[in-house]
């Protein structure tokens, strides 16, 4: 009995992996609750850690909401998105496997979410 209780508390619980839409819709919720962008960011980080939106992104979205823009979908952009090879990512990880997704994203010039997706696919 004791071992099963220990296993229950030590076993990894599955966690929800948020996408951009979910995180942005949460911002609308916080906006409607009259939270500040900084408070919304703090709550994001508390719930999702490295997957949370940056404070700058939270501020930008709050400004859109103040202007009456509540569409959380990405808009079409001109130009080609930044492309990187898995080999570049793997080389960075081989160099220092303790780097955070945020650090890897900054080094490669891509989003943290792009790093997260690539790490899932190469693991």
N, C-alpha and C. Protein backbone atom coordinates (compact mmCIF):
# COMPACT_ATOMS: atom_id res chain seq x y z
N UNK A 1 0.83 -1.20 0.00
CA UNK A 1 0.00 0.00 0.00
C UNK A 1 0.86 1.26 0.00
N UNK A 2 1.87 1.26 0.85
CA UNK A 2 2.76 2.43 0.97
C UNK A 2 3.48 2.71 -0.35
N UNK A 3 3.92 1.65 -1.01
CA UNK A 3 4.64 1.82 -2.29
C UNK A 3 3.71 2.40 -3.34
N UNK A 4 2.46 1.95 -3.37
CA UNK A 4 1.53 2.48 -4.37
C UNK A 4 1.24 3.95 -4.13
N UNK A 5 1.20 4.38 -2.87
CA UNK A 5 0.99 5.81 -2.58
C UNK A 5 2.19 6.61 -3.05
N UNK A 6 3.39 6.12 -2.78
CA UNK A 6 4.60 6.81 -3.23
C UNK A 6 4.62 6.88 -4.74
N UNK A 7 4.27 5.78 -5.42
CA UNK A 7 4.25 5.78 -6.88
C UNK A 7 3.25 6.82 -7.38
N UNK A 8 2.08 6.88 -6.73
CA UNK A 8 1.05 7.82 -7.15
C UNK A 8 1.57 9.25 -7.09
N UNK A 9 2.26 9.61 -6.03
CA UNK A 9 2.74 10.98 -5.87
C UNK A 9 4.00 11.26 -6.68
N UNK A 10 4.78 10.24 -6.99
CA UNK A 10 6.03 10.45 -7.73
C UNK A 10 5.86 10.29 -9.23
N UNK A 11 4.79 9.63 -9.66
CA UNK A 11 4.58 9.42 -11.09
C UNK A 11 4.34 10.76 -11.76
N UNK A 12 4.85 10.89 -12.97
CA UNK A 12 4.66 12.14 -13.71
C UNK A 12 3.21 12.25 -14.15
N UNK A 13 2.63 13.34 -13.81
CA UNK A 13 1.26 13.60 -14.23
C UNK A 13 1.31 14.19 -15.64
N UNK A 14 0.39 13.79 -16.49
CA UNK A 14 0.39 14.39 -17.83
C UNK A 14 0.08 15.88 -17.73
N UNK A 15 0.68 16.65 -18.60
CA UNK A 15 0.42 18.09 -18.56
C UNK A 15 -0.07 18.57 -19.92
N UNK A 16 -0.90 19.57 -19.89
CA UNK A 16 -1.46 20.17 -21.09
C UNK A 16 -0.41 21.04 -21.75
N UNK A 17 -0.21 20.87 -23.03
CA UNK A 17 0.75 21.66 -23.81
C UNK A 17 -0.05 22.74 -24.55
N UNK A 18 0.01 23.99 -24.11
CA UNK A 18 -0.82 25.03 -24.72
C UNK A 18 -0.32 25.43 -26.10
N UNK A 19 -1.26 25.81 -26.96
CA UNK A 19 -0.88 26.37 -28.26
C UNK A 19 -1.11 27.88 -28.22
N UNK A 20 -0.71 28.57 -29.29
CA UNK A 20 -0.83 30.03 -29.33
C UNK A 20 -2.26 30.49 -29.10
N UNK A 21 -3.19 29.82 -29.75
CA UNK A 21 -4.60 30.23 -29.64
C UNK A 21 -5.07 30.16 -28.19
N UNK A 22 -4.75 29.06 -27.52
CA UNK A 22 -5.16 28.90 -26.12
C UNK A 22 -4.58 30.02 -25.25
N UNK A 23 -3.29 30.28 -25.42
CA UNK A 23 -2.63 31.31 -24.61
C UNK A 23 -3.22 32.69 -24.87
N UNK A 24 -3.53 32.97 -26.13
CA UNK A 24 -4.11 34.27 -26.48
C UNK A 24 -5.54 34.41 -25.97
N UNK A 25 -6.31 33.31 -26.03
CA UNK A 25 -7.67 33.35 -25.50
C UNK A 25 -7.65 33.57 -23.98
N UNK A 26 -6.65 33.01 -23.32
CA UNK A 26 -6.50 33.29 -21.89
C UNK A 26 -6.26 34.77 -21.64
N UNK A 27 -5.51 35.40 -22.54
CA UNK A 27 -5.28 36.84 -22.40
C UNK A 27 -6.59 37.62 -22.47
N UNK A 28 -7.49 37.20 -23.36
CA UNK A 28 -8.81 37.86 -23.43
C UNK A 28 -9.53 37.70 -22.09
N UNK A 29 -9.45 36.51 -21.52
CA UNK A 29 -10.07 36.25 -20.22
C UNK A 29 -9.49 37.19 -19.16
N UNK A 30 -8.15 37.29 -19.10
CA UNK A 30 -7.51 38.17 -18.12
C UNK A 30 -7.86 39.64 -18.39
N UNK A 31 -7.91 40.01 -19.67
CA UNK A 31 -8.28 41.37 -20.06
C UNK A 31 -9.68 41.70 -19.55
N UNK A 32 -10.61 40.75 -19.75
CA UNK A 32 -11.99 40.96 -19.29
C UNK A 32 -12.10 41.01 -17.77
N UNK A 33 -11.15 40.40 -17.08
CA UNK A 33 -11.11 40.46 -15.62
C UNK A 33 -10.41 41.72 -15.11
N UNK A 34 -10.05 42.60 -16.06
CA UNK A 34 -9.37 43.86 -15.74
C UNK A 34 -7.97 43.67 -15.15
N UNK A 35 -7.32 42.55 -15.52
CA UNK A 35 -5.93 42.33 -15.11
C UNK A 35 -5.03 43.18 -16.00
N UNK A 36 -3.85 43.48 -15.52
CA UNK A 36 -2.87 44.19 -16.35
C UNK A 36 -2.15 43.17 -17.23
N UNK A 37 -1.46 43.65 -18.25
CA UNK A 37 -0.68 42.76 -19.10
C UNK A 37 0.41 42.07 -18.28
N UNK A 38 1.01 42.79 -17.35
CA UNK A 38 2.07 42.21 -16.50
C UNK A 38 1.51 41.09 -15.63
N UNK A 39 0.32 41.31 -15.07
CA UNK A 39 -0.31 40.28 -14.24
C UNK A 39 -0.70 39.07 -15.09
N UNK A 40 -1.21 39.32 -16.29
CA UNK A 40 -1.56 38.22 -17.19
C UNK A 40 -0.31 37.40 -17.52
N UNK A 41 0.80 38.09 -17.76
CA UNK A 41 2.06 37.38 -18.04
C UNK A 41 2.48 36.54 -16.84
N UNK A 42 2.39 37.11 -15.65
CA UNK A 42 2.78 36.37 -14.44
C UNK A 42 1.94 35.10 -14.29
N UNK A 43 0.65 35.20 -14.54
CA UNK A 43 -0.24 34.04 -14.44
C UNK A 43 0.09 33.01 -15.52
N UNK A 44 0.41 33.46 -16.72
CA UNK A 44 0.83 32.55 -17.80
C UNK A 44 2.06 31.77 -17.37
N UNK A 45 3.06 32.48 -16.86
CA UNK A 45 4.31 31.83 -16.45
C UNK A 45 4.05 30.85 -15.31
N UNK A 46 3.20 31.25 -14.38
CA UNK A 46 2.87 30.37 -13.26
C UNK A 46 2.25 29.07 -13.74
N UNK A 47 1.39 29.16 -14.74
CA UNK A 47 0.69 27.98 -15.24
C UNK A 47 1.50 27.18 -16.26
N UNK A 48 2.25 27.86 -17.14
CA UNK A 48 2.86 27.18 -18.28
C UNK A 48 4.38 27.29 -18.37
N UNK A 49 5.00 27.99 -17.46
CA UNK A 49 6.47 28.07 -17.46
C UNK A 49 7.01 28.61 -18.76
N UNK A 50 7.94 27.87 -19.36
CA UNK A 50 8.60 28.34 -20.58
C UNK A 50 7.67 28.44 -21.78
N UNK A 51 6.54 27.76 -21.73
CA UNK A 51 5.60 27.82 -22.85
C UNK A 51 4.76 29.10 -22.84
N UNK A 52 4.87 29.87 -21.77
CA UNK A 52 4.07 31.10 -21.64
C UNK A 52 4.49 32.15 -22.67
N UNK A 53 3.56 33.03 -22.98
CA UNK A 53 3.87 34.16 -23.85
C UNK A 53 4.81 35.11 -23.11
N UNK A 54 5.60 35.85 -23.87
CA UNK A 54 6.49 36.84 -23.25
C UNK A 54 5.66 38.01 -22.73
N UNK A 55 6.25 38.77 -21.83
CA UNK A 55 5.53 39.94 -21.31
C UNK A 55 5.27 40.95 -22.43
N UNK A 56 6.22 41.07 -23.35
CA UNK A 56 6.04 41.97 -24.49
C UNK A 56 4.84 41.54 -25.33
N UNK A 57 4.72 40.24 -25.59
CA UNK A 57 3.57 39.73 -26.35
C UNK A 57 2.27 40.02 -25.62
N UNK A 58 2.27 39.82 -24.32
CA UNK A 58 1.06 40.11 -23.53
C UNK A 58 0.66 41.57 -23.67
N UNK A 59 1.65 42.45 -23.59
CA UNK A 59 1.36 43.89 -23.73
C UNK A 59 0.81 44.21 -25.12
N UNK A 60 1.40 43.60 -26.16
CA UNK A 60 0.94 43.85 -27.53
C UNK A 60 -0.50 43.37 -27.71
N UNK A 61 -0.82 42.19 -27.17
CA UNK A 61 -2.18 41.68 -27.30
C UNK A 61 -3.16 42.53 -26.50
N UNK A 62 -2.77 42.97 -25.32
CA UNK A 62 -3.65 43.83 -24.53
C UNK A 62 -3.94 45.13 -25.28
N UNK A 63 -2.96 45.66 -25.99
CA UNK A 63 -3.17 46.87 -26.77
C UNK A 63 -4.18 46.60 -27.89
N UNK A 64 -4.07 45.43 -28.54
CA UNK A 64 -5.04 45.07 -29.58
C UNK A 64 -6.45 44.99 -28.98
N UNK A 65 -6.56 44.35 -27.82
CA UNK A 65 -7.87 44.23 -27.19
C UNK A 65 -8.45 45.60 -26.85
N UNK A 66 -7.61 46.51 -26.37
CA UNK A 66 -8.07 47.87 -26.06
C UNK A 66 -8.58 48.58 -27.30
N UNK A 67 -8.01 48.20 -28.47
CA UNK A 67 -8.44 48.79 -29.75
C UNK A 67 -9.62 48.03 -30.36
N UNK A 68 -10.15 47.05 -29.63
CA UNK A 68 -11.31 46.31 -30.11
C UNK A 68 -10.97 45.13 -31.00
N UNK A 69 -9.71 44.77 -31.10
CA UNK A 69 -9.29 43.63 -31.93
C UNK A 69 -9.20 42.39 -31.05
N UNK A 70 -10.12 41.43 -31.26
CA UNK A 70 -10.13 40.23 -30.43
C UNK A 70 -9.88 38.96 -31.23
N UNK A 71 -9.46 39.08 -32.48
CA UNK A 71 -9.13 37.90 -33.28
C UNK A 71 -7.74 37.41 -32.86
N UNK A 72 -7.66 36.20 -32.33
CA UNK A 72 -6.39 35.69 -31.80
C UNK A 72 -5.61 34.85 -32.82
N UNK A 73 -6.13 34.74 -34.03
CA UNK A 73 -5.43 33.97 -35.07
C UNK A 73 -4.28 34.79 -35.64
N UNK A 74 -3.24 34.10 -36.09
CA UNK A 74 -2.13 34.77 -36.74
C UNK A 74 -2.60 35.35 -38.07
N UNK A 75 -2.14 36.55 -38.36
CA UNK A 75 -2.46 37.17 -39.64
C UNK A 75 -1.40 36.78 -40.66
N UNK A 76 -1.79 36.80 -41.92
CA UNK A 76 -0.83 36.52 -42.99
C UNK A 76 0.28 37.55 -42.95
N UNK A 77 1.49 37.10 -43.14
CA UNK A 77 2.63 38.01 -43.16
C UNK A 77 3.34 37.89 -44.49
N UNK A 78 3.92 38.99 -44.91
CA UNK A 78 4.70 38.92 -46.14
C UNK A 78 6.09 38.40 -45.79
N UNK A 79 6.74 37.88 -46.78
CA UNK A 79 8.09 37.34 -46.54
C UNK A 79 8.04 35.89 -46.14
N UNK A 80 9.19 35.31 -46.14
CA UNK A 80 9.32 33.90 -45.84
C UNK A 80 9.66 33.70 -44.36
N UNK A 81 9.03 32.70 -43.71
CA UNK A 81 9.37 32.47 -42.31
C UNK A 81 10.80 31.95 -42.16
N UNK A 82 11.39 32.20 -41.01
CA UNK A 82 12.74 31.74 -40.72
C UNK A 82 12.75 30.22 -40.70
N UNK A 83 13.68 29.64 -41.44
CA UNK A 83 13.80 28.19 -41.50
C UNK A 83 15.15 27.81 -40.91
N UNK A 84 15.17 26.76 -40.15
CA UNK A 84 16.44 26.24 -39.63
C UNK A 84 16.41 24.73 -39.72
N UNK A 85 17.54 24.14 -39.75
CA UNK A 85 17.65 22.70 -39.87
C UNK A 85 17.72 22.07 -38.48
N UNK A 86 17.22 20.84 -38.38
CA UNK A 86 17.33 20.12 -37.12
C UNK A 86 18.79 19.98 -36.70
N UNK A 87 19.68 19.90 -37.69
CA UNK A 87 21.11 19.76 -37.39
C UNK A 87 21.62 20.95 -36.58
N UNK A 88 21.11 22.15 -36.90
CA UNK A 88 21.51 23.35 -36.14
C UNK A 88 21.06 23.24 -34.69
N UNK A 89 19.82 22.79 -34.51
CA UNK A 89 19.28 22.64 -33.17
C UNK A 89 20.05 21.56 -32.40
N UNK A 90 20.29 20.43 -33.06
CA UNK A 90 21.02 19.34 -32.42
C UNK A 90 22.44 19.76 -32.05
N UNK A 91 23.08 20.55 -32.91
CA UNK A 91 24.44 21.02 -32.62
C UNK A 91 24.45 21.90 -31.36
N UNK A 92 23.45 22.77 -31.25
CA UNK A 92 23.36 23.62 -30.05
C UNK A 92 23.13 22.79 -28.79
N UNK A 93 22.30 21.76 -28.91
CA UNK A 93 22.04 20.89 -27.76
C UNK A 93 23.26 20.07 -27.39
N UNK A 94 24.02 19.62 -28.41
CA UNK A 94 25.24 18.87 -28.14
C UNK A 94 26.27 19.75 -27.45
N UNK A 95 26.28 21.01 -27.82
CA UNK A 95 27.20 21.98 -27.23
C UNK A 95 26.87 22.24 -25.76
N UNK A 96 25.57 22.38 -25.47
CA UNK A 96 25.12 22.62 -24.09
C UNK A 96 23.69 22.12 -23.96
N UNK A 97 23.52 20.95 -23.40
CA UNK A 97 22.19 20.33 -23.32
C UNK A 97 21.30 20.97 -22.26
N UNK A 98 21.82 21.90 -21.49
CA UNK A 98 21.03 22.55 -20.43
C UNK A 98 20.38 23.85 -20.88
N UNK A 99 20.49 24.20 -22.16
CA UNK A 99 19.89 25.44 -22.64
C UNK A 99 18.37 25.33 -22.59
N UNK A 100 17.73 26.43 -22.29
CA UNK A 100 16.27 26.45 -22.27
C UNK A 100 15.75 26.62 -23.70
N UNK A 101 14.48 26.33 -23.88
CA UNK A 101 13.87 26.53 -25.20
C UNK A 101 13.95 27.99 -25.60
N UNK A 102 13.80 28.87 -24.63
CA UNK A 102 13.87 30.31 -24.91
C UNK A 102 15.25 30.69 -25.44
N UNK A 103 16.30 30.16 -24.80
CA UNK A 103 17.67 30.45 -25.24
C UNK A 103 17.93 29.90 -26.64
N UNK A 104 17.45 28.68 -26.89
CA UNK A 104 17.62 28.08 -28.22
C UNK A 104 16.89 28.91 -29.28
N UNK A 105 15.69 29.36 -28.95
CA UNK A 105 14.91 30.17 -29.89
C UNK A 105 15.62 31.47 -30.22
N UNK A 106 16.18 32.13 -29.20
CA UNK A 106 16.91 33.38 -29.43
C UNK A 106 18.13 33.15 -30.30
N UNK A 107 18.85 32.08 -30.04
CA UNK A 107 20.06 31.77 -30.81
C UNK A 107 19.73 31.51 -32.28
N UNK A 108 18.64 30.76 -32.52
CA UNK A 108 18.27 30.40 -33.89
C UNK A 108 17.38 31.44 -34.56
N UNK A 109 16.91 32.42 -33.81
CA UNK A 109 16.07 33.46 -34.40
C UNK A 109 14.69 32.98 -34.77
N UNK A 110 14.15 32.05 -33.97
CA UNK A 110 12.81 31.52 -34.21
C UNK A 110 12.02 31.63 -32.91
N UNK A 111 10.76 31.22 -32.95
CA UNK A 111 9.94 31.28 -31.75
C UNK A 111 10.23 30.10 -30.83
N UNK A 112 9.90 30.29 -29.58
CA UNK A 112 10.05 29.21 -28.61
C UNK A 112 9.14 28.04 -28.97
N UNK A 113 7.97 28.36 -29.51
CA UNK A 113 7.03 27.30 -29.90
C UNK A 113 7.62 26.47 -31.05
N UNK A 114 8.35 27.11 -31.97
CA UNK A 114 8.98 26.37 -33.06
C UNK A 114 10.00 25.39 -32.50
N UNK A 115 10.76 25.83 -31.50
CA UNK A 115 11.74 24.95 -30.86
C UNK A 115 11.02 23.78 -30.19
N UNK A 116 9.95 24.08 -29.48
CA UNK A 116 9.19 23.04 -28.79
C UNK A 116 8.69 21.98 -29.77
N UNK A 117 8.14 22.41 -30.90
CA UNK A 117 7.64 21.47 -31.90
C UNK A 117 8.77 20.61 -32.47
N UNK A 118 9.90 21.24 -32.76
CA UNK A 118 11.02 20.49 -33.35
C UNK A 118 11.59 19.50 -32.35
N UNK A 119 11.69 19.90 -31.09
CA UNK A 119 12.22 18.98 -30.07
C UNK A 119 11.32 17.76 -29.93
N UNK A 120 10.02 17.96 -30.01
CA UNK A 120 9.09 16.82 -29.92
C UNK A 120 9.27 15.89 -31.10
N UNK A 121 9.49 16.45 -32.28
CA UNK A 121 9.60 15.61 -33.47
C UNK A 121 10.94 14.89 -33.58
N UNK A 122 12.00 15.47 -33.01
CA UNK A 122 13.30 14.79 -33.13
C UNK A 122 13.58 13.86 -31.95
N UNK A 123 12.78 13.94 -30.91
CA UNK A 123 12.97 13.03 -29.75
C UNK A 123 12.21 11.76 -29.93
